[in-house]
Amino acid sequence: MPFDILLVSILRTLVEVAGFALLGQGALAVLAGKYREQNAFYRVLRIVTAPVVRSVRFITPRFVLDAHIPMLAFFLLFWLWIVLAVVKRHLCSLHGVAC
């Protein structure tokens, strides 16, 4: 497998993990309610998603509420995942590899 396709595949996998972690964190927030901070799994998912959420908070303007940042991060990860899929398909066709 060419290195560029491998790199795009690894990036896409990292985006998937972060996206699923955000989904899990959101589901636990709904299920646990106000006691979510006491849930060990919620805290683990928060640690996994912290770099993504901090990055999105850094690039967004201050008038965006902090409560909306995880949802915005999920949508940005979703579109990044779509873009990486298109890039991978293009690279596979350039190299003549069936992906």
PDB file of N, CA and C in Angstrom:
ATOM      1  N   MET A   1       0.843  -1.169   0.000  1.00  0.00           N
ATOM      2  CA  MET A   1       0.000   0.000   0.000  1.00  0.00           C
ATOM      3  C   MET A   1       0.894   1.241   0.000  1.00  0.00           C
ATOM      4  N   PRO A   2       0.636   2.168  -0.894  1.00  0.00           N
ATOM      5  CA  PRO A   2       1.436   3.404  -0.926  1.00  0.00           C
ATOM      6  C   PRO A   2       1.290   4.202   0.372  1.00  0.00           C
ATOM      7  N   PHE A   3       2.334   4.959   0.681  1.00  0.00           N
ATOM      8  CA  PHE A   3       2.392   5.682   1.947  1.00  0.00           C
ATOM      9  C   PHE A   3       1.294   6.723   2.075  1.00  0.00           C
ATOM     10  N   ASP A   4       0.948   7.426   0.993  1.00  0.00           N
ATOM     11  CA  ASP A   4      -0.077   8.462   1.081  1.00  0.00           C
ATOM     12  C   ASP A   4      -1.457   7.883   1.378  1.00  0.00           C
ATOM     13  N   ILE A   5      -1.756   6.723   0.811  1.00  0.00           N
ATOM     14  CA  ILE A   5      -3.030   6.073   1.101  1.00  0.00           C
ATOM     15  C   ILE A   5      -3.048   5.590   2.556  1.00  0.00           C
ATOM     16  N   LEU A   6      -1.926   5.072   3.023  1.00  0.00           N
ATOM     17  CA  LEU A   6      -1.828   4.634   4.411  1.00  0.00           C
ATOM     18  C   LEU A   6      -2.023   5.805   5.370  1.00  0.00           C
ATOM     19  N   LEU A   7      -1.422   6.931   5.059  1.00  0.00           N
ATOM     20  CA  LEU A   7      -1.550   8.114   5.908  1.00  0.00           C
ATOM     21  C   LEU A   7      -2.998   8.607   5.961  1.00  0.00           C
ATOM     22  N   VAL A   8      -3.666   8.641   4.828  1.00  0.00           N
ATOM     23  CA  VAL A   8      -5.070   9.068   4.789  1.00  0.00           C
ATOM     24  C   VAL A   8      -5.942   8.071   5.548  1.00  0.00           C
ATOM     25  N   SER A   9      -5.645   6.790   5.439  1.00  0.00           N
ATOM     26  CA  SER A   9      -6.415   5.774   6.163  1.00  0.00           C
ATOM     27  C   SER A   9      -6.240   5.920   7.666  1.00  0.00           C
ATOM     28  N   ILE A  10      -5.029   6.201   8.112  1.00  0.00           N
ATOM     29  CA  ILE A  10      -4.780   6.397   9.540  1.00  0.00           C
ATOM     30  C   ILE A  10      -5.503   7.643  10.041  1.00  0.00           C
ATOM     31  N   LEU A  11      -5.432   8.735   9.285  1.00  0.00           N
ATOM     32  CA  LEU A  11      -6.139   9.965   9.675  1.00  0.00           C
ATOM     33  C   LEU A  11      -7.639   9.741   9.731  1.00  0.00           C
ATOM     34  N   ARG A  12      -8.152   8.999   8.784  1.00  0.00           N
ATOM     35  CA  ARG A  12      -9.587   8.723   8.758  1.00  0.00           C
ATOM     36  C   ARG A  12     -10.009   7.878   9.956  1.00  0.00           C
ATOM     37  N   THR A  13      -9.178   6.933  10.338  1.00  0.00           N
ATOM     38  CA  THR A  13      -9.466   6.111  11.512  1.00  0.00           C
ATOM     39  C   THR A  13      -9.452   6.945  12.789  1.00  0.00           C
ATOM     40  N   LEU A  14      -8.496   7.854  12.910  1.00  0.00           N
ATOM     41  CA  LEU A  14      -8.452   8.730  14.082  1.00  0.00           C
ATOM     42  C   LEU A  14      -9.685   9.624  14.155  1.00  0.00           C
ATOM     43  N   VAL A  15     -10.126  10.103  13.012  1.00  0.00           N
ATOM     44  CA  VAL A  15     -11.336  10.929  12.974  1.00  0.00           C
ATOM     45  C   VAL A  15     -12.552  10.098  13.377  1.00  0.00           C
ATOM     46  N   GLU A  16     -12.609   8.833  12.934  1.00  0.00           N
ATOM     47  CA  GLU A  16     -13.711   7.953  13.310  1.00  0.00           C
ATOM     48  C   GLU A  16     -13.733   7.711  14.817  1.00  0.00           C
ATOM     49  N   VAL A  17     -12.585   7.451  15.397  1.00  0.00           N
ATOM     50  CA  VAL A  17     -12.513   7.197  16.839  1.00  0.00           C
ATOM     51  C   VAL A  17     -12.985   8.422  17.608  1.00  0.00           C
ATOM     52  N   ALA A  18     -12.524   9.599  17.221  1.00  0.00           N
ATOM     53  CA  ALA A  18     -12.941  10.822  17.905  1.00  0.00           C
ATOM     54  C   ALA A  18     -14.437  11.066  17.724  1.00  0.00           C
ATOM     55  N   GLY A  19     -14.952  10.806  16.543  1.00  0.00           N
ATOM     56  CA  GLY A  19     -16.381  10.995  16.298  1.00  0.00           C
ATOM     57  C   GLY A  19     -17.238  10.043  17.112  1.00  0.00           C
ATOM     58  N   PHE A  20     -16.849   8.782  17.155  1.00  0.00           N
ATOM     59  CA  PHE A  20     -17.606   7.830  17.962  1.00  0.00           C
ATOM     60  C   PHE A  20     -17.491   8.133  19.447  1.00  0.00           C
ATOM     61  N   ALA A  21     -16.350   8.635  19.872  1.00  0.00           N
ATOM     62  CA  ALA A  21     -16.196   9.032  21.277  1.00  0.00           C
ATOM     63  C   ALA A  21     -17.113  10.205  21.604  1.00  0.00           C
ATOM     64  N   LEU A  22     -17.238  11.154  20.691  1.00  0.00           N
ATOM     65  CA  LEU A  22     -18.165  12.273  20.907  1.00  0.00           C
ATOM     66  C   LEU A  22     -19.615  11.793  20.936  1.00  0.00           C
ATOM     67  N   LEU A  23     -19.953  10.848  20.060  1.00  0.00           N
ATOM     68  CA  LEU A  23     -21.303  10.286  20.084  1.00  0.00           C
ATOM     69  C   LEU A  23     -21.580   9.573  21.403  1.00  0.00           C
ATOM     70  N   GLY A  24     -20.618   8.782  21.867  1.00  0.00           N
ATOM     71  CA  GLY A  24     -20.774   8.085  23.138  1.00  0.00           C
ATOM     72  C   GLY A  24     -20.877   9.036  24.308  1.00  0.00           C
ATOM     73  N   GLN A  25     -20.087  10.081  24.267  1.00  0.00           N
ATOM     74  CA  GLN A  25     -20.136  11.087  25.323  1.00  0.00           C
ATOM     75  C   GLN A  25     -21.506  11.771  25.340  1.00  0.00           C
ATOM     76  N   GLY A  26     -22.029  12.067  24.182  1.00  0.00           N
ATOM     77  CA  GLY A  26     -23.355  12.677  24.114  1.00  0.00           C
ATOM     78  C   GLY A  26     -24.447  11.744  24.609  1.00  0.00           C
ATOM     79  N   ALA A  27     -24.362  10.471  24.237  1.00  0.00           N
ATOM     80  CA  ALA A  27     -25.356   9.501  24.699  1.00  0.00           C
ATOM     81  C   ALA A  27     -25.299   9.344  26.219  1.00  0.00           C
ATOM     82  N   LEU A  28     -24.100   9.282  26.769  1.00  0.00           N
ATOM     83  CA  LEU A  28     -23.973   9.181  28.219  1.00  0.00           C
ATOM     84  C   LEU A  28     -24.452  10.443  28.922  1.00  0.00           C
ATOM     85  N   ALA A  29     -24.242  11.587  28.311  1.00  0.00           N
ATOM     86  CA  ALA A  29     -24.723  12.829  28.906  1.00  0.00           C
ATOM     87  C   ALA A  29     -26.243  12.829  28.978  1.00  0.00           C
ATOM     88  N   VAL A  30     -26.894  12.290  27.966  1.00  0.00           N
ATOM     89  CA  VAL A  30     -28.353  12.222  27.971  1.00  0.00           C
ATOM     90  C   VAL A  30     -28.831  11.198  29.004  1.00  0.00           C
ATOM     91  N   LEU A  31     -28.173  10.040  29.047  1.00  0.00           N
ATOM     92  CA  LEU A  31     -28.608   8.986  29.966  1.00  0.00           C
ATOM     93  C   LEU A  31     -28.308   9.303  31.429  1.00  0.00           C
ATOM     94  N   ALA A  32     -27.146   9.847  31.699  1.00  0.00           N
ATOM     95  CA  ALA A  32     -26.744  10.087  33.085  1.00  0.00           C
ATOM     96  C   ALA A  32     -27.253  11.417  33.620  1.00  0.00           C
ATOM     97  N   GLY A  33     -27.576  12.331  32.744  1.00  0.00           N
ATOM     98  CA  GLY A  33     -28.103  13.619  33.183  1.00  0.00           C
ATOM     99  C   GLY A  33     -27.088  14.430  33.964  1.00  0.00           C
ATOM    100  N   LYS A  34     -27.516  14.973  35.093  1.00  0.00           N
ATOM    101  CA  LYS A  34     -26.629  15.847  35.861  1.00  0.00           C
ATOM    102  C   LYS A  34     -25.535  15.083  36.592  1.00  0.00           C
ATOM    103  N   TYR A  35     -25.642  13.757  36.640  1.00  0.00           N
ATOM    104  CA  TYR A  35     -24.616  12.940  37.307  1.00  0.00           C
ATOM    105  C   TYR A  35     -23.553  12.420  36.343  1.00  0.00           C
ATOM    106  N   ARG A  36     -23.510  12.974  35.161  1.00  0.00           N
ATOM    107  CA  ARG A  36     -22.578  12.459  34.150  1.00  0.00           C
ATOM    108  C   ARG A  36     -21.116  12.617  34.553  1.00  0.00           C
ATOM    109  N   GLU A  37     -20.765  13.645  35.294  1.00  0.00           N
ATOM    110  CA  GLU A  37     -19.375  13.859  35.704  1.00  0.00           C
ATOM    111  C   GLU A  37     -18.903  12.789  36.684  1.00  0.00           C
ATOM    112  N   GLN A  38     -19.827  12.090  37.312  1.00  0.00           N
ATOM    113  CA  GLN A  38     -19.473  11.025  38.237  1.00  0.00           C
ATOM    114  C   GLN A  38     -19.345   9.681  37.534  1.00  0.00           C
ATOM    115  N   ASN A  39     -19.717   9.619  36.265  1.00  0.00           N
ATOM    116  CA  ASN A  39     -19.651   8.385  35.497  1.00  0.00           C
ATOM    117  C   ASN A  39     -18.229   8.205  34.961  1.00  0.00           C
ATOM    118  N   ALA A  40     -17.616   7.055  35.247  1.00  0.00           N
ATOM    119  CA  ALA A  40     -16.232   6.791  34.837  1.00  0.00           C
ATOM    120  C   ALA A  40     -16.097   6.739  33.313  1.00  0.00           C
ATOM    121  N   PHE A  41     -17.064   6.141  32.643  1.00  0.00           N
ATOM    122  CA  PHE A  41     -16.987   6.035  31.182  1.00  0.00           C
ATOM    123  C   PHE A  41     -17.105   7.413  30.530  1.00  0.00           C
ATOM    124  N   TYR A  42     -17.930   8.263  31.092  1.00  0.00           N
ATOM    125  CA  TYR A  42     -18.051   9.622  30.567  1.00  0.00           C
ATOM    126  C   TYR A  42     -16.730  10.360  30.705  1.00  0.00           C
ATOM    127  N   ARG A  43     -16.062  10.192  31.835  1.00  0.00           N
ATOM    128  CA  ARG A  43     -14.776  10.862  32.039  1.00  0.00           C
ATOM    129  C   ARG A  43     -13.718  10.338  31.073  1.00  0.00           C
ATOM    130  N   VAL A  44     -13.733   9.038  30.788  1.00  0.00           N
ATOM    131  CA  VAL A  44     -12.783   8.480  29.813  1.00  0.00           C
ATOM    132  C   VAL A  44     -13.051   9.056  28.431  1.00  0.00           C
ATOM    133  N   LEU A  45     -14.300   9.100  28.033  1.00  0.00           N
ATOM    134  CA  LEU A  45     -14.646   9.661  26.723  1.00  0.00           C
ATOM    135  C   LEU A  45     -14.315  11.144  26.655  1.00  0.00           C
ATOM    136  N   ARG A  46     -14.470  11.856  27.762  1.00  0.00           N
ATOM    137  CA  ARG A  46     -14.112  13.274  27.790  1.00  0.00           C
ATOM    138  C   ARG A  46     -12.610  13.458  27.597  1.00  0.00           C
ATOM    139  N   ILE A  47     -11.806  12.548  28.157  1.00  0.00           N
ATOM    140  CA  ILE A  47     -10.350  12.620  27.967  1.00  0.00           C
ATOM    141  C   ILE A  47      -9.994  12.366  26.508  1.00  0.00           C
ATOM    142  N   VAL A  48     -10.676  11.414  25.883  1.00  0.00           N
ATOM    143  CA  VAL A  48     -10.404  11.086  24.473  1.00  0.00           C
ATOM    144  C   VAL A  48     -10.781  12.249  23.559  1.00  0.00           C
ATOM    145  N   THR A  49     -11.883  12.918  23.870  1.00  0.00           N
ATOM    146  CA  THR A  49     -12.377  13.975  22.985  1.00  0.00           C
ATOM    147  C   THR A  49     -11.834  15.354  23.324  1.00  0.00           C
ATOM    148  N   ALA A  50     -11.126  15.482  24.427  1.00  0.00           N
ATOM    149  CA  ALA A  50     -10.640  16.801  24.861  1.00  0.00           C
ATOM    150  C   ALA A  50      -9.784  17.518  23.812  1.00  0.00           C
ATOM    151  N   PRO A  51      -8.847  16.844  23.131  1.00  0.00           N
ATOM    152  CA  PRO A  51      -8.059  17.579  22.124  1.00  0.00           C
ATOM    153  C   PRO A  51      -8.905  18.135  20.982  1.00  0.00           C
ATOM    154  N   VAL A  52      -9.898  17.385  20.562  1.00  0.00           N
ATOM    155  CA  VAL A  52     -10.753  17.846  19.470  1.00  0.00           C
ATOM    156  C   VAL A  52     -11.601  19.027  19.932  1.00  0.00           C
ATOM    157  N   VAL A  53     -12.181  18.922  21.112  1.00  0.00           N
ATOM    158  CA  VAL A  53     -13.037  19.985  21.626  1.00  0.00           C
ATOM    159  C   VAL A  53     -12.221  21.259  21.867  1.00  0.00           C
ATOM    160  N   ARG A  54     -11.012  21.119  22.414  1.00  0.00           N
ATOM    161  CA  ARG A  54     -10.169  22.296  22.623  1.00  0.00           C
ATOM    162  C   ARG A  54      -9.784  22.941  21.304  1.00  0.00           C
ATOM    163  N   SER A  55      -9.499  22.130  20.286  1.00  0.00           N
ATOM    164  CA  SER A  55      -9.144  22.678  18.971  1.00  0.00           C
ATOM    165  C   SER A  55     -10.303  23.449  18.361  1.00  0.00           C
ATOM    166  N   VAL A  56     -11.491  22.893  18.464  1.00  0.00           N
ATOM    167  CA  VAL A  56     -12.667  23.575  17.920  1.00  0.00           C
ATOM    168  C   VAL A  56     -12.939  24.854  18.702  1.00  0.00           C
ATOM    169  N   ARG A  57     -12.769  24.816  20.017  1.00  0.00           N
ATOM    170  CA  ARG A  57     -12.963  26.031  20.822  1.00  0.00           C
ATOM    171  C   ARG A  57     -11.954  27.101  20.418  1.00  0.00           C
ATOM    172  N   PHE A  58     -10.742  26.696  20.065  1.00  0.00           N
ATOM    173  CA  PHE A  58      -9.711  27.643  19.660  1.00  0.00           C
ATOM    174  C   PHE A  58     -10.055  28.334  18.343  1.00  0.00           C
ATOM    175  N   ILE A  59     -10.641  27.597  17.393  1.00  0.00           N
ATOM    176  CA  ILE A  59     -10.893  28.169  16.070  1.00  0.00           C
ATOM    177  C   ILE A  59     -12.245  28.875  15.963  1.00  0.00           C
ATOM    178  N   THR A  60     -13.123  28.666  16.939  1.00  0.00           N
ATOM    179  CA  THR A  60     -14.432  29.316  16.866  1.00  0.00           C
ATOM    180  C   THR A  60     -14.403  30.674  17.563  1.00  0.00           C
ATOM    181  N   PRO A  61     -15.262  31.581  17.126  1.00  0.00           N
ATOM    182  CA  PRO A  61     -15.325  32.884  17.805  1.00  0.00           C
ATOM    183  C   PRO A  61     -15.920  32.738  19.212  1.00  0.00           C
ATOM    184  N   ARG A  62     -15.675  33.724  20.050  1.00  0.00           N
ATOM    185  CA  ARG A  62     -16.083  33.675  21.459  1.00  0.00           C
ATOM    186  C   ARG A  62     -17.592  33.703  21.654  1.00  0.00           C
ATOM    187  N   PHE A  63     -18.359  34.214  20.685  1.00  0.00           N
ATOM    188  CA  PHE A  63     -19.806  34.287  20.889  1.00  0.00           C
ATOM    189  C   PHE A  63     -20.484  32.920  20.787  1.00  0.00           C
ATOM    190  N   VAL A  64     -19.765  31.899  20.304  1.00  0.00           N
ATOM    191  CA  VAL A  64     -20.309  30.542  20.286  1.00  0.00           C
ATOM    192  C   VAL A  64     -20.259  29.999  21.710  1.00  0.00           C
ATOM    193  N   LEU A  65     -21.383  29.518  22.189  1.00  0.00           N
ATOM    194  CA  LEU A  65     -21.470  29.023  23.552  1.00  0.00           C
ATOM    195  C   LEU A  65     -20.643  27.750  23.742  1.00  0.00           C
ATOM    196  N   ASP A  66     -20.069  27.593  24.925  1.00  0.00           N
ATOM    197  CA  ASP A  66     -19.265  26.405  25.226  1.00  0.00           C
ATOM    198  C   ASP A  66     -20.092  25.124  25.158  1.00  0.00           C
ATOM    199  N   ALA A  67     -21.373  25.227  25.433  1.00  0.00           N
ATOM    200  CA  ALA A  67     -22.238  24.043  25.375  1.00  0.00           C
ATOM    201  C   ALA A  67     -22.404  23.527  23.943  1.00  0.00           C
ATOM    202  N   HIS A  68     -22.185  24.381  22.949  1.00  0.00           N
ATOM    203  CA  HIS A  68     -22.363  23.979  21.549  1.00  0.00           C
ATOM    204  C   HIS A  68     -21.080  23.439  20.918  1.00  0.00           C
ATOM    205  N   ILE A  69     -19.966  23.604  21.582  1.00  0.00           N
ATOM    206  CA  ILE A  69     -18.681  23.215  20.992  1.00  0.00           C
ATOM    207  C   ILE A  69     -18.586  21.718  20.698  1.00  0.00           C
ATOM    208  N   PRO A  70     -18.998  20.806  21.599  1.00  0.00           N
ATOM    209  CA  PRO A  70     -18.906  19.380  21.249  1.00  0.00           C
ATOM    210  C   PRO A  70     -19.731  18.996  20.023  1.00  0.00           C
ATOM    211  N   MET A  71     -20.915  19.590  19.880  1.00  0.00           N
ATOM    212  CA  MET A  71     -21.739  19.296  18.712  1.00  0.00           C
ATOM    213  C   MET A  71     -21.082  19.834  17.441  1.00  0.00           C
ATOM    214  N   LEU A  72     -20.534  21.015  17.521  1.00  0.00           N
ATOM    215  CA  LEU A  72     -19.818  21.584  16.385  1.00  0.00           C
ATOM    216  C   LEU A  72     -18.595  20.742  16.039  1.00  0.00           C
ATOM    217  N   ALA A  73     -17.906  20.253  17.066  1.00  0.00           N
ATOM    218  CA  ALA A  73     -16.746  19.386  16.840  1.00  0.00           C
ATOM    219  C   ALA A  73     -17.164  18.112  16.124  1.00  0.00           C
ATOM    220  N   PHE A  74     -18.298  17.540  16.519  1.00  0.00           N
ATOM    221  CA  PHE A  74     -18.773  16.323  15.850  1.00  0.00           C
ATOM    222  C   PHE A  74     -19.061  16.583  14.379  1.00  0.00           C
ATOM    223  N   PHE A  75     -19.744  17.686  14.069  1.00  0.00           N
ATOM    224  CA  PHE A  75     -20.058  17.980  12.677  1.00  0.00           C
ATOM    225  C   PHE A  75     -18.801  18.271  11.857  1.00  0.00           C
ATOM    226  N   LEU A  76     -17.837  18.931  12.447  1.00  0.00           N
ATOM    227  CA  LEU A  76     -16.566  19.154  11.742  1.00  0.00           C
ATOM    228  C   LEU A  76     -15.835  17.836  11.499  1.00  0.00           C
ATOM    229  N   LEU A  77     -15.854  16.954  12.495  1.00  0.00           N
ATOM    230  CA  LEU A  77     -15.237  15.635  12.306  1.00  0.00           C
ATOM    231  C   LEU A  77     -15.959  14.836  11.238  1.00  0.00           C
ATOM    232  N   PHE A  78     -17.277  14.947  11.195  1.00  0.00           N
ATOM    233  CA  PHE A  78     -18.044  14.236  10.169  1.00  0.00           C
ATOM    234  C   PHE A  78     -17.650  14.691   8.766  1.00  0.00           C
ATOM    235  N   TRP A  79     -17.553  16.012   8.573  1.00  0.00           N
ATOM    236  CA  TRP A  79     -17.193  16.514   7.246  1.00  0.00           C
ATOM    237  C   TRP A  79     -15.735  16.216   6.908  1.00  0.00           C
ATOM    238  N   LEU A  80     -14.887  16.228   7.911  1.00  0.00           N
ATOM    239  CA  LEU A  80     -13.490  15.841   7.682  1.00  0.00           C
ATOM    240  C   LEU A  80     -13.414  14.373   7.277  1.00  0.00           C
ATOM    241  N   TRP A  81     -14.242  13.528   7.876  1.00  0.00           N
ATOM    242  CA  TRP A  81     -14.275  12.112   7.537  1.00  0.00           C
ATOM    243  C   TRP A  81     -14.726  11.924   6.089  1.00  0.00           C
ATOM    244  N   ILE A  82     -15.721  12.687   5.652  1.00  0.00           N
ATOM    245  CA  ILE A  82     -16.199  12.624   4.268  1.00  0.00           C
ATOM    246  C   ILE A  82     -15.096  13.073   3.309  1.00  0.00           C
ATOM    247  N   VAL A  83     -14.432  14.179   3.625  1.00  0.00           N
ATOM    248  CA  VAL A  83     -13.353  14.690   2.763  1.00  0.00           C
ATOM    249  C   VAL A  83     -12.219  13.671   2.667  1.00  0.00           C
ATOM    250  N   LEU A  84     -11.854  13.054   3.786  1.00  0.00           N
ATOM    251  CA  LEU A  84     -10.788  12.048   3.757  1.00  0.00           C
ATOM    252  C   LEU A  84     -11.202  10.820   2.951  1.00  0.00           C
ATOM    253  N   ALA A  85     -12.477  10.473   2.962  1.00  0.00           N
ATOM    254  CA  ALA A  85     -12.951   9.357   2.140  1.00  0.00           C
ATOM    255  C   ALA A  85     -12.808   9.675   0.661  1.00  0.00           C
ATOM    256  N   VAL A  86     -13.149  10.902   0.281  1.00  0.00           N
ATOM    257  CA  VAL A  86     -13.011  11.308  -1.125  1.00  0.00           C
ATOM    258  C   VAL A  86     -11.539  11.344  -1.528  1.00  0.00           C
ATOM    259  N   VAL A  87     -10.688  11.857  -0.639  1.00  0.00           N
ATOM    260  CA  VAL A  87      -9.247  11.905  -0.928  1.00  0.00           C
ATOM    261  C   VAL A  87      -8.684  10.489  -1.072  1.00  0.00           C
ATOM    262  N   LYS A  88      -9.102   9.591  -0.196  1.00  0.00           N
ATOM    263  CA  LYS A  88      -8.614   8.213  -0.285  1.00  0.00           C
ATOM    264  C   LYS A  88      -9.055   7.549  -1.588  1.00  0.00           C
ATOM    265  N   ARG A  89     -10.285   7.773  -1.977  1.00  0.00           N
ATOM    266  CA  ARG A  89     -10.782   7.206  -3.235  1.00  0.00           C
ATOM    267  C   ARG A  89      -9.999   7.758  -4.424  1.00  0.00           C
ATOM    268  N   HIS A  90      -9.700   9.050  -4.380  1.00  0.00           N
ATOM    269  CA  HIS A  90      -8.928   9.673  -5.459  1.00  0.00           C
ATOM    270  C   HIS A  90      -7.505   9.100  -5.501  1.00  0.00           C
ATOM    271  N   LEU A  91      -6.877   8.960  -4.339  1.00  0.00           N
ATOM    272  CA  LEU A  91      -5.520   8.412  -4.296  1.00  0.00           C
ATOM    273  C   LEU A  91      -5.488   6.960  -4.759  1.00  0.00           C
ATOM    274  N   CYS A  92      -6.501   6.203  -4.394  1.00  0.00           N
ATOM    275  CA  CYS A  92      -6.551   4.810  -4.840  1.00  0.00           C
ATOM    276  C   CYS A  92      -6.686   4.713  -6.355  1.00  0.00           C
ATOM    277  N   SER A  93      -7.475   5.607  -6.930  1.00  0.00           N
ATOM    278  CA  SER A  93      -7.610   5.576  -8.387  1.00  0.00           C
ATOM    279  C   SER A  93      -6.330   6.041  -9.082  1.00  0.00           C
ATOM    280  N   LEU A  94      -5.603   6.988  -8.456  1.00  0.00           N
ATOM    281  CA  LEU A  94      -4.339   7.429  -9.034  1.00  0.00           C
ATOM    282  C   LEU A  94      -3.300   6.315  -9.041  1.00  0.00           C
ATOM    283  N   HIS A  95      -3.264   5.551  -7.961  1.00  0.00           N
ATOM    284  CA  HIS A  95      -2.279   4.479  -7.850  1.00  0.00           C
ATOM    285  C   HIS A  95      -2.755   3.174  -8.486  1.00  0.00           C
ATOM    286  N   GLY A  96      -4.010   3.122  -8.890  1.00  0.00           N
ATOM    287  CA  GLY A  96      -4.536   1.900  -9.504  1.00  0.00           C
ATOM    288  C   GLY A  96      -4.708   0.788  -8.492  1.00  0.00           C
ATOM    289  N   VAL A  97      -5.023   1.139  -7.269  1.00  0.00           N
ATOM    290  CA  VAL A  97      -5.198   0.176  -6.198  1.00  0.00           C
ATOM    291  C   VAL A  97      -6.683   0.062  -5.888  1.00  0.00           C
ATOM    292  N   ALA A  98      -7.146  -1.168  -5.654  1.00  0.00           N
ATOM    293  CA  ALA A  98      -8.549  -1.353  -5.255  1.00  0.00           C
ATOM    294  C   ALA A  98      -8.634  -1.181  -3.739  1.00  0.00           C
ATOM    295  N   CYS A  99      -9.312  -0.130  -3.317  1.00  0.00           N
ATOM    296  CA  CYS A  99      -9.450   0.155  -1.875  1.00  0.00           C
ATOM    297  C   CYS A  99     -10.821  -0.142  -1.385  1.00  0.00           C
TER     298      CYS A  99
END
